[in-house]
Amino acid sequence: MHRKLQNEYKFRIMSYTQMAQLEVLNAVRGISSEVELKEFRDLIAHYFAQKAQTAIDAMWNNGQINSQTIQAWGNEHMRQTL
């Protein structure tokens, strides 16, 4: 099957989560050392940290949170026993 058609077909039958999983599997296929694994983990952590920072910045800019909110978060006890 032509690659373009394969991609269109894949797009129709796979969720974005499934497509992301395939992309990750393809990316990790080439990892061959502990150093490369650490670099990959750091890359993923940086990606999600950046997304969190962007979301927090948006909340700050539209007034959903402010310095008092952040200070209150610092005083919260978040641990729960199961």
Protein backbone atom coordinates (compact mmCIF):
# COMPACT_ATOMS: atom_id res chain seq x y z
CA MET A 1 0.00 0.00 0.00
CA HIS A 2 1.29 3.47 -0.82
CA ARG A 3 2.74 5.23 2.27
CA LYS A 4 0.38 8.21 1.97
CA LEU A 5 -2.60 5.88 1.85
CA GLN A 6 -1.25 3.93 4.81
CA ASN A 7 -1.00 7.13 6.84
CA GLU A 8 -4.54 8.18 5.89
CA TYR A 9 -5.85 4.72 6.74
CA LYS A 10 -4.01 4.70 10.06
CA PHE A 11 -5.43 8.13 10.83
CA ARG A 12 -8.98 6.89 10.42
CA ILE A 13 -8.76 3.74 12.54
CA MET A 14 -6.35 4.76 15.31
CA SER A 15 -6.85 7.17 18.17
CA TYR A 16 -4.30 9.90 18.77
CA THR A 17 -3.18 7.98 21.85
CA GLN A 18 -2.53 4.88 19.76
CA MET A 19 -0.65 6.92 17.16
CA ALA A 20 1.45 8.51 19.92
CA GLN A 21 2.23 5.08 21.34
CA LEU A 22 3.47 3.93 17.95
CA GLU A 23 5.63 7.03 17.63
CA VAL A 24 7.16 6.37 21.06
CA LEU A 25 7.80 2.72 20.20
CA ASN A 26 9.51 3.80 16.98
CA ALA A 27 11.60 6.35 18.87
CA VAL A 28 12.76 3.96 21.59
CA ARG A 29 13.65 1.24 19.10
CA GLY A 30 17.05 2.89 18.63
CA ILE A 31 17.91 3.28 22.32
CA SER A 32 20.89 1.08 22.99
CA SER A 33 22.46 2.33 26.20
CA GLU A 34 21.64 3.55 29.68
CA VAL A 35 22.80 7.04 28.70
CA GLU A 36 20.40 7.14 25.74
CA LEU A 37 17.58 5.88 27.97
CA LYS A 38 18.27 8.68 30.48
CA GLU A 39 18.33 11.23 27.66
CA PHE A 40 14.98 9.93 26.41
CA ARG A 41 13.44 10.08 29.88
CA ASP A 42 14.75 13.63 30.31
CA LEU A 43 13.28 14.61 26.95
CA ILE A 44 9.84 13.26 27.89
CA ALA A 45 10.01 14.91 31.33
CA HIS A 46 10.97 18.24 29.75
CA TYR A 47 8.08 17.99 27.28
CA PHE A 48 5.48 17.47 30.00
CA ALA A 49 7.05 20.07 32.31
CA GLN A 50 6.83 22.61 29.48
CA LYS A 51 3.16 21.75 28.87
CA ALA A 52 2.42 22.16 32.58
CA GLN A 53 4.23 25.51 32.65
CA THR A 54 2.27 26.73 29.63
CA ALA A 55 -1.02 25.74 31.30
CA ILE A 56 -0.03 27.45 34.56
CA ASP A 57 1.00 30.59 32.69
CA ALA A 58 -2.38 30.65 30.94
CA MET A 59 -4.19 30.27 34.27
CA TRP A 60 -2.11 33.09 35.74
CA ASN A 61 -2.73 35.36 32.74
CA ASN A 62 -6.51 34.88 32.79
CA GLY A 63 -6.74 35.37 36.55
CA GLN A 64 -7.61 31.81 37.57
CA ILE A 65 -4.60 31.71 39.89
CA ASN A 66 -2.44 34.32 41.60
CA SER A 67 0.39 34.43 44.13
CA GLN A 68 -2.02 33.71 47.01
CA THR A 69 -3.25 30.58 45.21
CA ILE A 70 0.28 29.31 44.74
CA GLN A 71 1.15 30.09 48.36
CA ALA A 72 -1.97 28.17 49.49
CA TRP A 73 -0.90 25.20 47.36
CA GLY A 74 2.45 25.24 49.16
CA ASN A 75 0.66 24.87 52.50
CA GLU A 76 -1.60 22.01 51.42
CA HIS A 77 -1.03 18.48 52.64
CA MET A 78 -1.53 16.37 49.52
CA ARG A 79 -0.50 12.92 50.72
CA GLN A 80 -3.25 10.40 51.16
CA THR A 81 -3.24 6.97 52.68
CA LEU A 82 -4.82 4.16 50.74
